[in-house]
Amino acid sequence: MLLAVGSKLKLAVNLYWPQSFSPSVPCSLETIMGRLALVHFEARPEHSYPAPLAVLSERERAVCLGILSGKKAEAIAADLGVAVTSVFTYRTRAYQKLGISSRGSLFAVCGR
């Protein structure tokens, strides 16, 4: 068993082979780890938004991106085709999920 611990993630890899399994090509630990890393990074989606916003719904994320781009609630509402009160609701939900309570905290969380 291989265990790697980072600041946010923990990775456990079971390197034991079942007795019934015999690979046709012998694999070294380096080969296995290389393939595992390749699969991880190829499967990782590329986003055009800051990573902390990945936990939000599409609307919550759109509102936060609007805030980060300097737009007022009225402009964000017009862009999304929703009422201004809906923008406030999405913002409140997003802030709760991100564990923040202000516009400044949103900028800080997103590294801007």
N, C-alpha and C. Protein backbone atom coordinates (compact mmCIF):
# COMPACT_ATOMS: atom_id res chain seq x y z
N MET A 1 0.85 -1.17 0.00
CA MET A 1 0.00 0.00 0.00
C MET A 1 0.90 1.23 0.00
N LEU A 2 0.54 2.17 -0.85
CA LEU A 2 1.27 3.43 -0.94
C LEU A 2 0.33 4.52 -0.47
N LEU A 3 0.79 5.37 0.42
CA LEU A 3 -0.03 6.45 0.96
C LEU A 3 0.69 7.76 0.76
N ALA A 4 -0.01 8.73 0.15
CA ALA A 4 0.55 10.07 -0.03
C ALA A 4 -0.44 11.05 0.58
N VAL A 5 0.05 11.96 1.40
CA VAL A 5 -0.81 12.92 2.08
C VAL A 5 -0.36 14.32 1.73
N GLY A 6 -1.32 15.11 1.21
CA GLY A 6 -1.04 16.50 0.89
C GLY A 6 -1.80 17.41 1.84
N SER A 7 -1.79 18.69 1.56
CA SER A 7 -2.49 19.63 2.44
C SER A 7 -4.01 19.51 2.33
N LYS A 8 -4.51 19.08 1.17
CA LYS A 8 -5.95 18.97 0.98
C LYS A 8 -6.41 17.56 0.64
N LEU A 9 -5.53 16.74 0.10
CA LEU A 9 -5.93 15.41 -0.38
C LEU A 9 -5.08 14.32 0.23
N LYS A 10 -5.67 13.13 0.26
CA LYS A 10 -4.95 11.94 0.67
C LYS A 10 -5.14 10.90 -0.43
N LEU A 11 -4.06 10.21 -0.79
CA LEU A 11 -4.11 9.22 -1.85
C LEU A 11 -3.60 7.90 -1.30
N ALA A 12 -4.40 6.87 -1.43
CA ALA A 12 -3.99 5.53 -1.03
C ALA A 12 -4.06 4.64 -2.27
N VAL A 13 -2.97 3.97 -2.58
CA VAL A 13 -2.91 3.11 -3.75
C VAL A 13 -2.56 1.71 -3.28
N ASN A 14 -3.41 0.75 -3.60
CA ASN A 14 -3.17 -0.65 -3.26
C ASN A 14 -2.35 -1.26 -4.38
N LEU A 15 -1.14 -1.68 -4.08
CA LEU A 15 -0.24 -2.24 -5.10
C LEU A 15 -0.20 -3.77 -5.06
N TYR A 16 -1.12 -4.37 -4.35
CA TYR A 16 -1.14 -5.82 -4.27
C TYR A 16 -1.88 -6.40 -5.46
N TRP A 17 -1.31 -7.43 -6.06
CA TRP A 17 -1.93 -8.10 -7.19
C TRP A 17 -2.63 -9.36 -6.69
N PRO A 18 -3.81 -9.67 -7.19
CA PRO A 18 -4.44 -10.94 -6.83
C PRO A 18 -3.57 -12.09 -7.35
N GLN A 19 -3.57 -13.21 -6.66
CA GLN A 19 -2.74 -14.34 -7.10
C GLN A 19 -3.13 -14.82 -8.49
N SER A 20 -4.40 -14.67 -8.83
CA SER A 20 -4.87 -15.13 -10.14
C SER A 20 -4.44 -14.21 -11.27
N PHE A 21 -3.97 -12.99 -10.94
CA PHE A 21 -3.60 -12.03 -11.96
C PHE A 21 -2.12 -12.15 -12.28
N SER A 22 -1.84 -12.31 -13.56
CA SER A 22 -0.44 -12.29 -13.98
C SER A 22 -0.35 -11.43 -15.24
N PRO A 23 0.18 -10.22 -15.11
CA PRO A 23 0.24 -9.34 -16.27
C PRO A 23 1.13 -9.91 -17.36
N SER A 24 0.73 -9.71 -18.60
CA SER A 24 1.51 -10.21 -19.72
C SER A 24 2.83 -9.46 -19.85
N VAL A 25 2.83 -8.22 -19.40
CA VAL A 25 4.05 -7.42 -19.42
C VAL A 25 4.39 -7.07 -17.98
N PRO A 26 5.58 -7.42 -17.52
CA PRO A 26 5.93 -7.08 -16.14
C PRO A 26 5.92 -5.56 -15.94
N CYS A 27 5.35 -5.13 -14.83
CA CYS A 27 5.24 -3.70 -14.54
C CYS A 27 6.07 -3.34 -13.32
N SER A 28 6.83 -2.29 -13.45
CA SER A 28 7.58 -1.78 -12.32
C SER A 28 6.72 -0.78 -11.57
N LEU A 29 7.11 -0.47 -10.37
CA LEU A 29 6.39 0.52 -9.58
C LEU A 29 6.37 1.87 -10.30
N GLU A 30 7.47 2.22 -10.94
CA GLU A 30 7.53 3.49 -11.67
C GLU A 30 6.52 3.52 -12.81
N THR A 31 6.36 2.41 -13.51
CA THR A 31 5.41 2.34 -14.61
C THR A 31 3.99 2.49 -14.10
N ILE A 32 3.69 1.79 -13.01
CA ILE A 32 2.35 1.86 -12.44
C ILE A 32 2.04 3.28 -11.98
N MET A 33 2.97 3.89 -11.26
CA MET A 33 2.73 5.24 -10.76
C MET A 33 2.63 6.25 -11.91
N GLY A 34 3.43 6.06 -12.93
CA GLY A 34 3.36 6.93 -14.09
C GLY A 34 2.01 6.85 -14.78
N ARG A 35 1.51 5.63 -14.94
CA ARG A 35 0.20 5.45 -15.58
C ARG A 35 -0.90 6.05 -14.71
N LEU A 36 -0.79 5.86 -13.41
CA LEU A 36 -1.78 6.40 -12.49
C LEU A 36 -1.81 7.93 -12.55
N ALA A 37 -0.65 8.55 -12.58
CA ALA A 37 -0.57 10.01 -12.68
C ALA A 37 -1.13 10.49 -14.02
N LEU A 38 -0.82 9.78 -15.08
CA LEU A 38 -1.32 10.15 -16.40
C LEU A 38 -2.84 10.10 -16.45
N VAL A 39 -3.42 9.03 -15.92
CA VAL A 39 -4.87 8.90 -15.90
C VAL A 39 -5.49 10.03 -15.09
N HIS A 40 -4.88 10.35 -13.96
CA HIS A 40 -5.40 11.42 -13.11
C HIS A 40 -5.41 12.76 -13.84
N PHE A 41 -4.29 13.13 -14.43
CA PHE A 41 -4.20 14.45 -15.04
C PHE A 41 -4.94 14.54 -16.37
N GLU A 42 -5.08 13.42 -17.08
CA GLU A 42 -5.87 13.46 -18.31
C GLU A 42 -7.35 13.57 -18.01
N ALA A 43 -7.79 12.99 -16.90
CA ALA A 43 -9.21 13.01 -16.54
C ALA A 43 -9.59 14.32 -15.85
N ARG A 44 -8.62 15.10 -15.45
CA ARG A 44 -8.87 16.34 -14.72
C ARG A 44 -9.41 17.41 -15.67
N PRO A 45 -10.61 17.92 -15.41
CA PRO A 45 -11.16 18.93 -16.32
C PRO A 45 -10.44 20.27 -16.18
N GLU A 46 -10.32 20.94 -17.29
CA GLU A 46 -9.74 22.29 -17.29
C GLU A 46 -10.90 23.27 -17.15
N HIS A 47 -10.83 24.14 -16.16
CA HIS A 47 -11.88 25.12 -15.94
C HIS A 47 -11.35 26.51 -16.21
N SER A 48 -12.25 27.36 -16.62
CA SER A 48 -11.87 28.75 -16.85
C SER A 48 -12.22 29.61 -15.65
N TYR A 49 -12.51 28.96 -14.53
CA TYR A 49 -12.84 29.70 -13.31
C TYR A 49 -11.95 29.20 -12.17
N PRO A 50 -11.83 29.98 -11.10
CA PRO A 50 -10.99 29.58 -9.97
C PRO A 50 -11.47 28.27 -9.34
N ALA A 51 -10.55 27.43 -8.93
CA ALA A 51 -10.86 26.10 -8.38
C ALA A 51 -11.86 26.12 -7.23
N PRO A 52 -11.82 27.07 -6.29
CA PRO A 52 -12.80 27.04 -5.19
C PRO A 52 -14.25 27.11 -5.67
N LEU A 53 -14.48 27.66 -6.85
CA LEU A 53 -15.84 27.79 -7.36
C LEU A 53 -16.40 26.49 -7.92
N ALA A 54 -15.60 25.46 -7.99
CA ALA A 54 -16.04 24.17 -8.53
C ALA A 54 -17.14 23.54 -7.68
N VAL A 55 -17.23 23.88 -6.40
CA VAL A 55 -18.24 23.30 -5.52
C VAL A 55 -19.61 23.94 -5.69
N LEU A 56 -19.70 24.99 -6.45
CA LEU A 56 -20.94 25.74 -6.60
C LEU A 56 -21.79 25.24 -7.75
N SER A 57 -23.08 25.55 -7.71
CA SER A 57 -23.95 25.25 -8.84
C SER A 57 -23.58 26.22 -9.98
N GLU A 58 -24.10 25.95 -11.17
CA GLU A 58 -23.78 26.81 -12.31
C GLU A 58 -24.20 28.26 -12.07
N ARG A 59 -25.40 28.46 -11.52
CA ARG A 59 -25.89 29.82 -11.27
C ARG A 59 -25.07 30.51 -10.18
N GLU A 60 -24.78 29.79 -9.10
CA GLU A 60 -23.97 30.37 -8.03
C GLU A 60 -22.59 30.78 -8.56
N ARG A 61 -22.02 29.90 -9.38
CA ARG A 61 -20.71 30.19 -9.98
C ARG A 61 -20.79 31.40 -10.89
N ALA A 62 -21.85 31.48 -11.70
CA ALA A 62 -22.00 32.61 -12.62
C ALA A 62 -22.12 33.92 -11.86
N VAL A 63 -22.84 33.90 -10.75
CA VAL A 63 -22.96 35.11 -9.92
C VAL A 63 -21.61 35.48 -9.35
N CYS A 64 -20.88 34.51 -8.82
CA CYS A 64 -19.55 34.81 -8.25
C CYS A 64 -18.59 35.32 -9.32
N LEU A 65 -18.64 34.74 -10.50
CA LEU A 65 -17.78 35.23 -11.59
C LEU A 65 -18.15 36.66 -11.98
N GLY A 66 -19.44 36.96 -11.94
CA GLY A 66 -19.88 38.32 -12.20
C GLY A 66 -19.33 39.28 -11.16
N ILE A 67 -19.40 38.87 -9.91
CA ILE A 67 -18.86 39.70 -8.82
C ILE A 67 -17.36 39.89 -9.01
N LEU A 68 -16.66 38.81 -9.32
CA LEU A 68 -15.21 38.89 -9.50
C LEU A 68 -14.82 39.77 -10.69
N SER A 69 -15.71 39.89 -11.67
CA SER A 69 -15.41 40.74 -12.82
C SER A 69 -15.84 42.18 -12.59
N GLY A 70 -16.35 42.47 -11.37
CA GLY A 70 -16.69 43.85 -11.02
C GLY A 70 -18.10 44.29 -11.35
N LYS A 71 -18.95 43.36 -11.72
CA LYS A 71 -20.32 43.73 -12.08
C LYS A 71 -21.20 43.91 -10.85
N LYS A 72 -22.18 44.78 -10.97
CA LYS A 72 -23.19 44.99 -9.94
C LYS A 72 -24.27 43.92 -10.10
N ALA A 73 -25.09 43.76 -9.06
CA ALA A 73 -26.14 42.74 -9.06
C ALA A 73 -27.10 42.91 -10.24
N GLU A 74 -27.41 44.14 -10.58
CA GLU A 74 -28.34 44.40 -11.68
C GLU A 74 -27.77 43.90 -13.01
N ALA A 75 -26.49 44.12 -13.24
CA ALA A 75 -25.85 43.67 -14.48
C ALA A 75 -25.76 42.14 -14.53
N ILE A 76 -25.46 41.53 -13.39
CA ILE A 76 -25.40 40.07 -13.33
C ILE A 76 -26.77 39.48 -13.60
N ALA A 77 -27.81 40.08 -13.01
CA ALA A 77 -29.18 39.62 -13.23
C ALA A 77 -29.55 39.71 -14.71
N ALA A 78 -29.19 40.80 -15.35
CA ALA A 78 -29.49 40.98 -16.78
C ALA A 78 -28.75 39.92 -17.61
N ASP A 79 -27.48 39.67 -17.28
CA ASP A 79 -26.70 38.65 -18.01
C ASP A 79 -27.33 37.27 -17.90
N LEU A 80 -27.83 36.94 -16.70
CA LEU A 80 -28.38 35.60 -16.46
C LEU A 80 -29.86 35.51 -16.79
N GLY A 81 -30.50 36.65 -16.99
CA GLY A 81 -31.94 36.65 -17.28
C GLY A 81 -32.77 36.28 -16.07
N VAL A 82 -32.35 36.73 -14.89
CA VAL A 82 -33.06 36.46 -13.65
C VAL A 82 -33.31 37.77 -12.92
N ALA A 83 -34.12 37.70 -11.88
CA ALA A 83 -34.38 38.89 -11.06
C ALA A 83 -33.17 39.19 -10.18
N VAL A 84 -33.04 40.43 -9.80
CA VAL A 84 -31.95 40.86 -8.92
C VAL A 84 -32.02 40.09 -7.60
N THR A 85 -33.22 39.83 -7.10
CA THR A 85 -33.36 39.07 -5.85
C THR A 85 -32.81 37.66 -5.99
N SER A 86 -32.91 37.09 -7.19
CA SER A 86 -32.33 35.76 -7.42
C SER A 86 -30.81 35.82 -7.34
N VAL A 87 -30.23 36.89 -7.83
CA VAL A 87 -28.77 37.07 -7.74
C VAL A 87 -28.36 37.10 -6.27
N PHE A 88 -29.13 37.81 -5.44
CA PHE A 88 -28.82 37.86 -4.01
C PHE A 88 -28.92 36.47 -3.38
N THR A 89 -29.92 35.70 -3.79
CA THR A 89 -30.09 34.34 -3.26
C THR A 89 -28.92 33.45 -3.67
N TYR A 90 -28.55 33.48 -4.95
CA TYR A 90 -27.42 32.67 -5.43
C TYR A 90 -26.12 33.09 -4.73
N ARG A 91 -25.95 34.39 -4.53
CA ARG A 91 -24.75 34.88 -3.85
C ARG A 91 -24.70 34.37 -2.41
N THR A 92 -25.82 34.44 -1.72
CA THR A 92 -25.88 33.98 -0.32
C THR A 92 -25.55 32.49 -0.23
N ARG A 93 -26.14 31.71 -1.11
CA ARG A 93 -25.87 30.26 -1.12
C ARG A 93 -24.40 29.97 -1.43
N ALA A 94 -23.86 30.68 -2.39
CA ALA A 94 -22.46 30.49 -2.77
C ALA A 94 -21.54 30.84 -1.60
N TYR A 95 -21.79 31.96 -0.96
CA TYR A 95 -20.96 32.38 0.17
C TYR A 95 -21.03 31.34 1.29
N GLN A 96 -22.22 30.78 1.53
CA GLN A 96 -22.36 29.75 2.57
C GLN A 96 -21.52 28.53 2.22
N LYS A 97 -21.59 28.09 0.98
CA LYS A 97 -20.82 26.91 0.55
C LYS A 97 -19.32 27.16 0.64
N LEU A 98 -18.90 28.39 0.35
CA LEU A 98 -17.48 28.73 0.38
C LEU A 98 -16.99 29.10 1.78
N GLY A 99 -17.94 29.24 2.72
CA GLY A 99 -17.58 29.59 4.09
C GLY A 99 -17.10 31.02 4.24
N ILE A 100 -17.68 31.91 3.44
CA ILE A 100 -17.30 33.33 3.48
C ILE A 100 -18.53 34.18 3.70
N SER A 101 -18.32 35.49 3.92
CA SER A 101 -19.47 36.36 4.16
C SER A 101 -19.37 37.71 3.47
N SER A 102 -18.35 37.88 2.63
CA SER A 102 -18.22 39.18 1.98
C SER A 102 -17.60 39.07 0.60
N ARG A 103 -17.77 40.14 -0.14
CA ARG A 103 -17.20 40.26 -1.48
C ARG A 103 -15.66 40.18 -1.41
N GLY A 104 -15.09 40.85 -0.44
CA GLY A 104 -13.63 40.83 -0.26
C GLY A 104 -13.12 39.42 0.01
N SER A 105 -13.88 38.66 0.80
CA SER A 105 -13.49 37.27 1.07
C SER A 105 -13.55 36.43 -0.20
N LEU A 106 -14.51 36.72 -1.07
CA LEU A 106 -14.60 36.00 -2.34
C LEU A 106 -13.33 36.23 -3.17
N PHE A 107 -12.90 37.48 -3.22
CA PHE A 107 -11.67 37.80 -3.95
C PHE A 107 -10.48 37.08 -3.33
N ALA A 108 -10.44 37.02 -2.01
CA ALA A 108 -9.32 36.37 -1.31
C ALA A 108 -9.32 34.86 -1.56
N VAL A 109 -10.49 34.24 -1.49
CA VAL A 109 -10.60 32.79 -1.70
C VAL A 109 -10.19 32.42 -3.12
N CYS A 110 -10.54 33.28 -4.06
CA CYS A 110 -10.24 32.99 -5.47
C CYS A 110 -8.87 33.49 -5.89
N GLY A 111 -8.12 34.04 -4.97
CA GLY A 111 -6.75 34.46 -5.26
C GLY A 111 -6.64 35.65 -6.16
N ARG A 112 -7.58 36.57 -6.04
CA ARG A 112 -7.55 37.77 -6.89
C ARG A 112 -7.34 39.01 -6.07
